[in-house]
Amino acid sequence: MSGWVTVAGLGPGSDALVTPEVSAALAEATDIVGYIPYVARVAARPGLRLHASDNRVEVERARHALELAAAGARVVIVSSGDPGVFAMASALFEALEAAPEHQALDVRVLPGITAMLAAAARAGAPLGHDFCAINLSDNLKPWALIEARLRAAAQADFACAFYNPRSRSRPEGFARVLELLRETCGGERLITFARAVSTPEEQLVTVTLAEATPEMADMRTVVLVGNSATRRVGRWVYTPRSA
């Protein structure tokens, strides 16, 4: 049987948020490739080979998946959330671009529920109008570019979703993000910290920018910042659809 590669999003955490399409691909797979905690979410079964690797070897992981598929394996590369949002779909195509011998392979990308959309649904509708998503990690881009994009988004009055806000190796970066947002948007803008959404560890807190502190975020947190029209309705937060 000829091999194939599927990049699949496992959603934000709960098995209930894995799509039936992704579940079917996992059931057909002979090999699962991905970051260690994401591979751990896939139930072991006879004949299924699990290839877990570190988080900073995305392109190498994608090359391995292509090589397995070229040898006849049915490979699922797993990502959390949606594989096209700061995840493995782009890494796979980067590897495929450099490997023309594999470009005839059957390659599919299966969408998943992103962390920002799961978090927004828990909060209400803070991304109800124009919004942007920004990865705050400087592993693959310089901090100056992150800051320029943050400032541009804030000045354009976008609601924003921030991924990878604060890690142990760069705890100071998110403090600067909050400073920049307060300088540009003022202190009354609503900001939601959504941690581990859809898991037993879920925590959701909405405060103003003036009240926000860097310690409210970690690498399991998605941060949602409203635009100038975002408001509270009871325990909910929403952004009107008109500007």
C-alpha atoms as a PDB file:
ATOM      1  CA  MET A   1       0.000   0.000   0.000  1.00  0.00           C
ATOM      2  CA  SER A   2       1.350   3.443  -0.897  1.00  0.00           C
ATOM      3  CA  GLY A   3       2.225   5.741   1.979  1.00  0.00           C
ATOM      4  CA  TRP A   4       0.798   9.111   2.897  1.00  0.00           C
ATOM      5  CA  VAL A   5       1.371  11.995   5.290  1.00  0.00           C
ATOM      6  CA  THR A   6      -1.398  13.768   7.151  1.00  0.00           C
ATOM      7  CA  VAL A   7      -0.843  16.747   9.433  1.00  0.00           C
ATOM      8  CA  ALA A   8      -3.591  16.771  12.029  1.00  0.00           C
ATOM      9  CA  GLY A   9      -4.685  19.173  14.741  1.00  0.00           C
ATOM     10  CA  LEU A  10      -5.583  17.529  18.052  1.00  0.00           C
ATOM     11  CA  GLY A  11      -7.423  20.591  19.336  1.00  0.00           C
ATOM     12  CA  PRO A  12      -6.690  22.503  22.546  1.00  0.00           C
ATOM     13  CA  GLY A  13      -6.696  19.581  24.984  1.00  0.00           C
ATOM     14  CA  SER A  14      -9.964  17.730  25.431  1.00  0.00           C
ATOM     15  CA  ASP A  15     -10.578  14.574  23.400  1.00  0.00           C
ATOM     16  CA  ALA A  16     -14.105  15.894  22.833  1.00  0.00           C
ATOM     17  CA  LEU A  17     -12.621  18.661  20.667  1.00  0.00           C
ATOM     18  CA  VAL A  18     -10.744  16.319  18.310  1.00  0.00           C
ATOM     19  CA  THR A  19     -12.639  16.246  15.004  1.00  0.00           C
ATOM     20  CA  PRO A  20     -14.014  12.958  13.609  1.00  0.00           C
ATOM     21  CA  GLU A  21     -11.846  13.474  10.513  1.00  0.00           C
ATOM     22  CA  VAL A  22      -8.700  13.558  12.658  1.00  0.00           C
ATOM     23  CA  SER A  23      -9.830  10.545  14.699  1.00  0.00           C
ATOM     24  CA  ALA A  24     -10.300   8.566  11.471  1.00  0.00           C
ATOM     25  CA  ALA A  25      -6.795   9.474  10.260  1.00  0.00           C
ATOM     26  CA  LEU A  26      -5.296   8.405  13.596  1.00  0.00           C
ATOM     27  CA  ALA A  27      -7.125   5.073  13.329  1.00  0.00           C
ATOM     28  CA  GLU A  28      -5.629   4.438   9.857  1.00  0.00           C
ATOM     29  CA  ALA A  29      -2.074   5.498  10.753  1.00  0.00           C
ATOM     30  CA  THR A  30       0.887   3.171  11.070  1.00  0.00           C
ATOM     31  CA  ASP A  31       3.132   5.930  12.462  1.00  0.00           C
ATOM     32  CA  ILE A  32       2.545   8.992  14.658  1.00  0.00           C
ATOM     33  CA  VAL A  33       5.149  11.753  14.544  1.00  0.00           C
ATOM     34  CA  GLY A  34       5.224  14.830  16.756  1.00  0.00           C
ATOM     35  CA  TYR A  35       6.298  16.767  19.814  1.00  0.00           C
ATOM     36  CA  ILE A  36       6.522  14.568  22.922  1.00  0.00           C
ATOM     37  CA  PRO A  37       3.349  15.739  24.789  1.00  0.00           C
ATOM     38  CA  TYR A  38       1.242  15.656  21.608  1.00  0.00           C
ATOM     39  CA  VAL A  39       2.296  12.120  20.701  1.00  0.00           C
ATOM     40  CA  ALA A  40       1.447  11.141  24.281  1.00  0.00           C
ATOM     41  CA  ARG A  41      -2.167  12.137  23.586  1.00  0.00           C
ATOM     42  CA  VAL A  42      -2.497   9.361  20.980  1.00  0.00           C
ATOM     43  CA  ALA A  43      -3.555   6.013  22.422  1.00  0.00           C
ATOM     44  CA  ALA A  44      -1.083   3.205  21.792  1.00  0.00           C
ATOM     45  CA  ARG A  45      -2.306   0.133  19.902  1.00  0.00           C
ATOM     46  CA  PRO A  46      -0.683  -2.912  18.286  1.00  0.00           C
ATOM     47  CA  GLY A  47       1.129  -2.026  15.060  1.00  0.00           C
ATOM     48  CA  LEU A  48       1.197   1.718  15.741  1.00  0.00           C
ATOM     49  CA  ARG A  49       4.681   3.212  15.975  1.00  0.00           C
ATOM     50  CA  LEU A  50       5.136   6.413  17.969  1.00  0.00           C
ATOM     51  CA  HIS A  51       7.960   8.837  17.063  1.00  0.00           C
ATOM     52  CA  ALA A  52       8.161  11.562  19.727  1.00  0.00           C
ATOM     53  CA  SER A  53      10.755  14.354  19.525  1.00  0.00           C
ATOM     54  CA  ASP A  54      11.712  17.688  21.067  1.00  0.00           C
ATOM     55  CA  ASN A  55       9.883  20.907  20.281  1.00  0.00           C
ATOM     56  CA  ARG A  56      12.705  22.617  18.366  1.00  0.00           C
ATOM     57  CA  VAL A  57      13.207  20.042  15.598  1.00  0.00           C
ATOM     58  CA  GLU A  58      10.089  20.713  13.533  1.00  0.00           C
ATOM     59  CA  VAL A  59      11.680  20.511  10.080  1.00  0.00           C
ATOM     60  CA  GLU A  60      13.698  17.411  10.998  1.00  0.00           C
ATOM     61  CA  ARG A  61      10.463  15.843  12.258  1.00  0.00           C
ATOM     62  CA  ALA A  62       8.746  16.663   8.979  1.00  0.00           C
ATOM     63  CA  ARG A  63      11.611  15.157   6.953  1.00  0.00           C
ATOM     64  CA  HIS A  64      11.356  11.973   9.003  1.00  0.00           C
ATOM     65  CA  ALA A  65       7.617  11.791   8.294  1.00  0.00           C
ATOM     66  CA  LEU A  66       8.201  12.191   4.560  1.00  0.00           C
ATOM     67  CA  GLU A  67      10.831   9.450   4.580  1.00  0.00           C
ATOM     68  CA  LEU A  68       8.486   7.093   6.431  1.00  0.00           C
ATOM     69  CA  ALA A  69       5.680   7.783   3.958  1.00  0.00           C
ATOM     70  CA  ALA A  70       8.010   7.285   1.001  1.00  0.00           C
ATOM     71  CA  ALA A  71       8.756   3.827   2.413  1.00  0.00           C
ATOM     72  CA  GLY A  72       5.023   3.034   2.496  1.00  0.00           C
ATOM     73  CA  ALA A  73       3.972   4.147   5.980  1.00  0.00           C
ATOM     74  CA  ARG A  74       0.721   5.934   6.741  1.00  0.00           C
ATOM     75  CA  VAL A  75       1.975   8.841   8.834  1.00  0.00           C
ATOM     76  CA  VAL A  76       0.098  11.350  10.961  1.00  0.00           C
ATOM     77  CA  ILE A  77       2.061  14.349  12.184  1.00  0.00           C
ATOM     78  CA  VAL A  78       0.230  15.614  15.261  1.00  0.00           C
ATOM     79  CA  SER A  79      -0.010  19.212  16.437  1.00  0.00           C
ATOM     80  CA  SER A  80      -2.048  20.768  19.177  1.00  0.00           C
ATOM     81  CA  GLY A  81      -4.853  23.102  18.130  1.00  0.00           C
ATOM     82  CA  ASP A  82      -4.835  23.614  14.366  1.00  0.00           C
ATOM     83  CA  PRO A  83      -1.727  22.428  12.472  1.00  0.00           C
ATOM     84  CA  GLY A  84      -1.666  25.556  10.327  1.00  0.00           C
ATOM     85  CA  VAL A  85      -1.499  27.997  13.259  1.00  0.00           C
ATOM     86  CA  PHE A  86       2.114  28.270  14.488  1.00  0.00           C
ATOM     87  CA  ALA A  87       2.419  24.500  14.094  1.00  0.00           C
ATOM     88  CA  MET A  88       3.581  21.622  11.925  1.00  0.00           C
ATOM     89  CA  ALA A  89       1.802  22.185   8.600  1.00  0.00           C
ATOM     90  CA  SER A  90       4.177  24.962   7.594  1.00  0.00           C
ATOM     91  CA  ALA A  91       7.197  22.917   8.719  1.00  0.00           C
ATOM     92  CA  LEU A  92       6.041  20.008   6.571  1.00  0.00           C
ATOM     93  CA  PHE A  93       5.802  22.151   3.450  1.00  0.00           C
ATOM     94  CA  GLU A  94       9.188  23.682   4.215  1.00  0.00           C
ATOM     95  CA  ALA A  95      10.648  20.175   4.273  1.00  0.00           C
ATOM     96  CA  LEU A  96       8.695  19.216   1.152  1.00  0.00           C
ATOM     97  CA  GLU A  97       9.993  22.251  -0.754  1.00  0.00           C
ATOM     98  CA  ALA A  98      13.544  21.038  -0.117  1.00  0.00           C
ATOM     99  CA  ALA A  99      12.745  17.441  -1.116  1.00  0.00           C
ATOM    100  CA  PRO A 100      11.311  17.326  -4.654  1.00  0.00           C
ATOM    101  CA  GLU A 101      11.607  13.543  -4.641  1.00  0.00           C
ATOM    102  CA  HIS A 102       8.760  13.456  -2.092  1.00  0.00           C
ATOM    103  CA  GLN A 103       6.434  15.991  -3.718  1.00  0.00           C
ATOM    104  CA  ALA A 104       4.305  13.314  -5.386  1.00  0.00           C
ATOM    105  CA  LEU A 105       3.335  11.851  -2.005  1.00  0.00           C
ATOM    106  CA  ASP A 106      -0.258  12.005  -0.808  1.00  0.00           C
ATOM    107  CA  VAL A 107      -0.188  14.919   1.682  1.00  0.00           C
ATOM    108  CA  ARG A 108      -3.187  16.214   3.611  1.00  0.00           C
ATOM    109  CA  VAL A 109      -3.717  18.859   6.288  1.00  0.00           C
ATOM    110  CA  LEU A 110      -6.643  18.308   8.648  1.00  0.00           C
ATOM    111  CA  PRO A 111      -7.851  21.340  10.599  1.00  0.00           C
ATOM    112  CA  GLY A 112      -8.334  21.424  14.337  1.00  0.00           C
ATOM    113  CA  ILE A 113      -9.822  23.757  16.911  1.00  0.00           C
ATOM    114  CA  THR A 114      -7.221  26.372  17.734  1.00  0.00           C
ATOM    115  CA  ALA A 115      -6.375  27.391  21.278  1.00  0.00           C
ATOM    116  CA  MET A 116      -7.363  30.990  20.563  1.00  0.00           C
ATOM    117  CA  LEU A 117     -10.833  30.017  19.319  1.00  0.00           C
ATOM    118  CA  ALA A 118     -11.410  27.628  22.208  1.00  0.00           C
ATOM    119  CA  ALA A 119     -10.322  30.372  24.622  1.00  0.00           C
ATOM    120  CA  ALA A 120     -12.491  32.974  22.904  1.00  0.00           C
ATOM    121  CA  ALA A 121     -15.518  30.676  23.130  1.00  0.00           C
ATOM    122  CA  ARG A 122     -14.962  30.201  26.854  1.00  0.00           C
ATOM    123  CA  ALA A 123     -14.716  33.981  27.354  1.00  0.00           C
ATOM    124  CA  GLY A 124     -17.676  34.853  25.123  1.00  0.00           C
ATOM    125  CA  ALA A 125     -16.805  36.525  21.820  1.00  0.00           C
ATOM    126  CA  PRO A 126     -13.733  38.754  22.269  1.00  0.00           C
ATOM    127  CA  LEU A 127     -12.631  38.054  18.669  1.00  0.00           C
ATOM    128  CA  GLY A 128     -16.026  38.988  17.242  1.00  0.00           C
ATOM    129  CA  HIS A 129     -14.634  41.613  14.863  1.00  0.00           C
ATOM    130  CA  ASP A 130     -11.302  41.976  13.030  1.00  0.00           C
ATOM    131  CA  PHE A 131      -8.469  40.328  14.941  1.00  0.00           C
ATOM    132  CA  CYS A 132      -4.925  39.052  14.509  1.00  0.00           C
ATOM    133  CA  ALA A 133      -2.857  36.264  16.052  1.00  0.00           C
ATOM    134  CA  ILE A 134       0.775  36.870  17.064  1.00  0.00           C
ATOM    135  CA  ASN A 135       3.280  34.337  18.352  1.00  0.00           C
ATOM    136  CA  LEU A 136       5.313  36.046  21.075  1.00  0.00           C
ATOM    137  CA  SER A 137       8.156  33.510  20.949  1.00  0.00           C
ATOM    138  CA  ASP A 138      11.390  34.888  19.502  1.00  0.00           C
ATOM    139  CA  ASN A 139      12.775  31.438  18.612  1.00  0.00           C
ATOM    140  CA  LEU A 140      12.087  31.923  14.881  1.00  0.00           C
ATOM    141  CA  LYS A 141      11.922  35.708  14.542  1.00  0.00           C
ATOM    142  CA  PRO A 142      13.685  38.654  16.179  1.00  0.00           C
ATOM    143  CA  TRP A 143      12.128  40.496  19.079  1.00  0.00           C
ATOM    144  CA  ALA A 144      12.203  43.753  17.089  1.00  0.00           C
ATOM    145  CA  LEU A 145       9.802  42.229  14.554  1.00  0.00           C
ATOM    146  CA  ILE A 146       7.465  41.012  17.297  1.00  0.00           C
ATOM    147  CA  GLU A 147       7.390  44.486  18.808  1.00  0.00           C
ATOM    148  CA  ALA A 148       6.758  46.146  15.426  1.00  0.00           C
ATOM    149  CA  ARG A 149       3.824  43.838  14.724  1.00  0.00           C
ATOM    150  CA  LEU A 150       2.396  44.344  18.219  1.00  0.00           C
ATOM    151  CA  ARG A 151       2.547  48.094  17.859  1.00  0.00           C
ATOM    152  CA  ALA A 152       0.980  48.012  14.381  1.00  0.00           C
ATOM    153  CA  ALA A 153      -1.858  45.745  15.541  1.00  0.00           C
ATOM    154  CA  ALA A 154      -2.571  47.909  18.580  1.00  0.00           C
ATOM    155  CA  GLN A 155      -2.506  51.119  16.558  1.00  0.00           C
ATOM    156  CA  ALA A 156      -4.906  49.588  14.004  1.00  0.00           C
ATOM    157  CA  ASP A 157      -7.269  48.677  16.875  1.00  0.00           C
ATOM    158  CA  PHE A 158      -7.269  44.943  16.217  1.00  0.00           C
ATOM    159  CA  ALA A 159      -8.312  42.531  18.896  1.00  0.00           C
ATOM    160  CA  CYS A 160      -5.330  40.201  19.372  1.00  0.00           C
ATOM    161  CA  ALA A 161      -4.621  36.614  20.331  1.00  0.00           C
ATOM    162  CA  PHE A 162      -1.131  35.963  21.670  1.00  0.00           C
ATOM    163  CA  TYR A 163       0.466  32.528  21.601  1.00  0.00           C
ATOM    164  CA  ASN A 164       3.521  31.485  23.670  1.00  0.00           C
ATOM    165  CA  PRO A 165       3.431  34.620  25.827  1.00  0.00           C
ATOM    166  CA  ARG A 166       5.912  33.812  28.564  1.00  0.00           C
ATOM    167  CA  SER A 167       8.415  31.023  29.204  1.00  0.00           C
ATOM    168  CA  ARG A 168      11.070  30.351  31.822  1.00  0.00           C
ATOM    169  CA  SER A 169      13.794  31.194  29.297  1.00  0.00           C
ATOM    170  CA  ARG A 170      12.282  34.598  28.397  1.00  0.00           C
ATOM    171  CA  PRO A 171      10.176  35.845  31.336  1.00  0.00           C
ATOM    172  CA  GLU A 172      10.896  39.510  30.611  1.00  0.00           C
ATOM    173  CA  GLY A 173       9.400  39.643  27.100  1.00  0.00           C
ATOM    174  CA  PHE A 174       5.757  39.561  28.131  1.00  0.00           C
ATOM    175  CA  ALA A 175       6.311  42.391  30.606  1.00  0.00           C
ATOM    176  CA  ARG A 176       7.435  44.511  27.661  1.00  0.00           C
ATOM    177  CA  VAL A 177       4.346  43.413  25.693  1.00  0.00           C
ATOM    178  CA  LEU A 178       2.082  44.669  28.472  1.00  0.00           C
ATOM    179  CA  GLU A 179       3.989  47.962  28.657  1.00  0.00           C
ATOM    180  CA  LEU A 180       3.672  48.467  24.909  1.00  0.00           C
ATOM    181  CA  LEU A 181      -0.057  47.722  24.966  1.00  0.00           C
ATOM    182  CA  ARG A 182      -0.655  50.125  27.855  1.00  0.00           C
ATOM    183  CA  GLU A 183       1.319  52.829  26.037  1.00  0.00           C
ATOM    184  CA  THR A 184      -0.717  52.341  22.845  1.00  0.00           C
ATOM    185  CA  CYS A 185      -4.170  51.303  24.103  1.00  0.00           C
ATOM    186  CA  GLY A 186      -4.418  52.740  27.611  1.00  0.00           C
ATOM    187  CA  GLY A 187      -5.097  50.888  30.833  1.00  0.00           C
ATOM    188  CA  GLU A 188      -8.822  50.148  30.448  1.00  0.00           C
ATOM    189  CA  ARG A 189      -8.534  47.685  27.539  1.00  0.00           C
ATOM    190  CA  LEU A 190      -9.791  44.209  28.499  1.00  0.00           C
ATOM    191  CA  ILE A 191      -7.329  41.315  28.463  1.00  0.00           C
ATOM    192  CA  THR A 192      -8.194  37.655  29.037  1.00  0.00           C
ATOM    193  CA  PHE A 193      -5.722  35.024  30.228  1.00  0.00           C
ATOM    194  CA  ALA A 194      -6.973  31.585  29.169  1.00  0.00           C
ATOM    195  CA  ARG A 195      -4.827  28.761  30.522  1.00  0.00           C
ATOM    196  CA  ALA A 196      -5.126  25.068  29.579  1.00  0.00           C
ATOM    197  CA  VAL A 197      -8.558  25.538  28.028  1.00  0.00           C
ATOM    198  CA  SER A 198     -10.679  22.357  27.812  1.00  0.00           C
ATOM    199  CA  THR A 199      -8.460  20.471  30.295  1.00  0.00           C
ATOM    200  CA  PRO A 200      -8.999  19.886  34.041  1.00  0.00           C
ATOM    201  CA  GLU A 201      -6.435  22.646  34.708  1.00  0.00           C
ATOM    202  CA  GLU A 202      -8.442  25.279  32.814  1.00  0.00           C
ATOM    203  CA  GLN A 203      -8.310  28.803  34.232  1.00  0.00           C
ATOM    204  CA  LEU A 204      -9.872  31.915  32.723  1.00  0.00           C
ATOM    205  CA  VAL A 205      -9.274  35.427  34.059  1.00  0.00           C
ATOM    206  CA  THR A 206     -10.276  38.762  32.486  1.00  0.00           C
ATOM    207  CA  VAL A 207      -8.826  42.025  33.783  1.00  0.00           C
ATOM    208  CA  THR A 208      -7.906  45.433  32.408  1.00  0.00           C
ATOM    209  CA  LEU A 209      -4.458  46.121  30.999  1.00  0.00           C
ATOM    210  CA  ALA A 210      -3.807  48.283  34.052  1.00  0.00           C
ATOM    211  CA  GLU A 211      -4.421  45.250  36.288  1.00  0.00           C
ATOM    212  CA  ALA A 212      -2.528  42.697  34.170  1.00  0.00           C
ATOM    213  CA  THR A 213       0.817  41.329  35.347  1.00  0.00           C
ATOM    214  CA  PRO A 214       3.347  39.164  33.477  1.00  0.00           C
ATOM    215  CA  GLU A 215       2.923  36.321  35.974  1.00  0.00           C
ATOM    216  CA  MET A 216      -0.650  35.779  34.767  1.00  0.00           C
ATOM    217  CA  ALA A 217       0.691  34.053  31.634  1.00  0.00           C
ATOM    218  CA  ASP A 218       2.807  31.016  30.887  1.00  0.00           C
ATOM    219  CA  MET A 219       3.351  28.727  27.893  1.00  0.00           C
ATOM    220  CA  ARG A 220      -0.012  27.016  28.419  1.00  0.00           C
ATOM    221  CA  THR A 221      -1.816  30.366  28.267  1.00  0.00           C
ATOM    222  CA  VAL A 222      -3.431  32.072  25.302  1.00  0.00           C
ATOM    223  CA  VAL A 223      -3.833  35.797  25.880  1.00  0.00           C
ATOM    224  CA  LEU A 224      -6.751  37.631  24.249  1.00  0.00           C
ATOM    225  CA  VAL A 225      -6.740  41.432  24.103  1.00  0.00           C
ATOM    226  CA  GLY A 226      -9.879  43.226  23.024  1.00  0.00           C
ATOM    227  CA  ASN A 227     -10.147  46.255  20.765  1.00  0.00           C
ATOM    228  CA  SER A 228     -11.401  49.660  21.893  1.00  0.00           C
ATOM    229  CA  ALA A 229     -15.042  48.501  21.657  1.00  0.00           C
ATOM    230  CA  THR A 230     -14.659  45.214  23.571  1.00  0.00           C
ATOM    231  CA  ARG A 231     -16.850  45.149  26.648  1.00  0.00           C
ATOM    232  CA  ARG A 232     -18.190  42.996  29.463  1.00  0.00           C
ATOM    233  CA  VAL A 233     -21.717  41.612  29.578  1.00  0.00           C
ATOM    234  CA  GLY A 234     -22.146  39.940  32.953  1.00  0.00           C
ATOM    235  CA  ARG A 235     -19.378  37.325  33.173  1.00  0.00           C
ATOM    236  CA  TRP A 236     -18.820  37.402  29.391  1.00  0.00           C
ATOM    237  CA  VAL A 237     -16.545  39.496  27.171  1.00  0.00           C
ATOM    238  CA  TYR A 238     -17.501  40.364  23.609  1.00  0.00           C
ATOM    239  CA  THR A 239     -16.431  42.580  20.736  1.00  0.00           C
ATOM    240  CA  PRO A 240     -19.288  44.088  18.660  1.00  0.00           C
ATOM    241  CA  ARG A 241     -19.436  43.076  14.994  1.00  0.00           C
ATOM    242  CA  SER A 242     -19.614  46.689  13.797  1.00  0.00           C
ATOM    243  CA  ALA A 243     -16.871  49.318  13.949  1.00  0.00           C
END
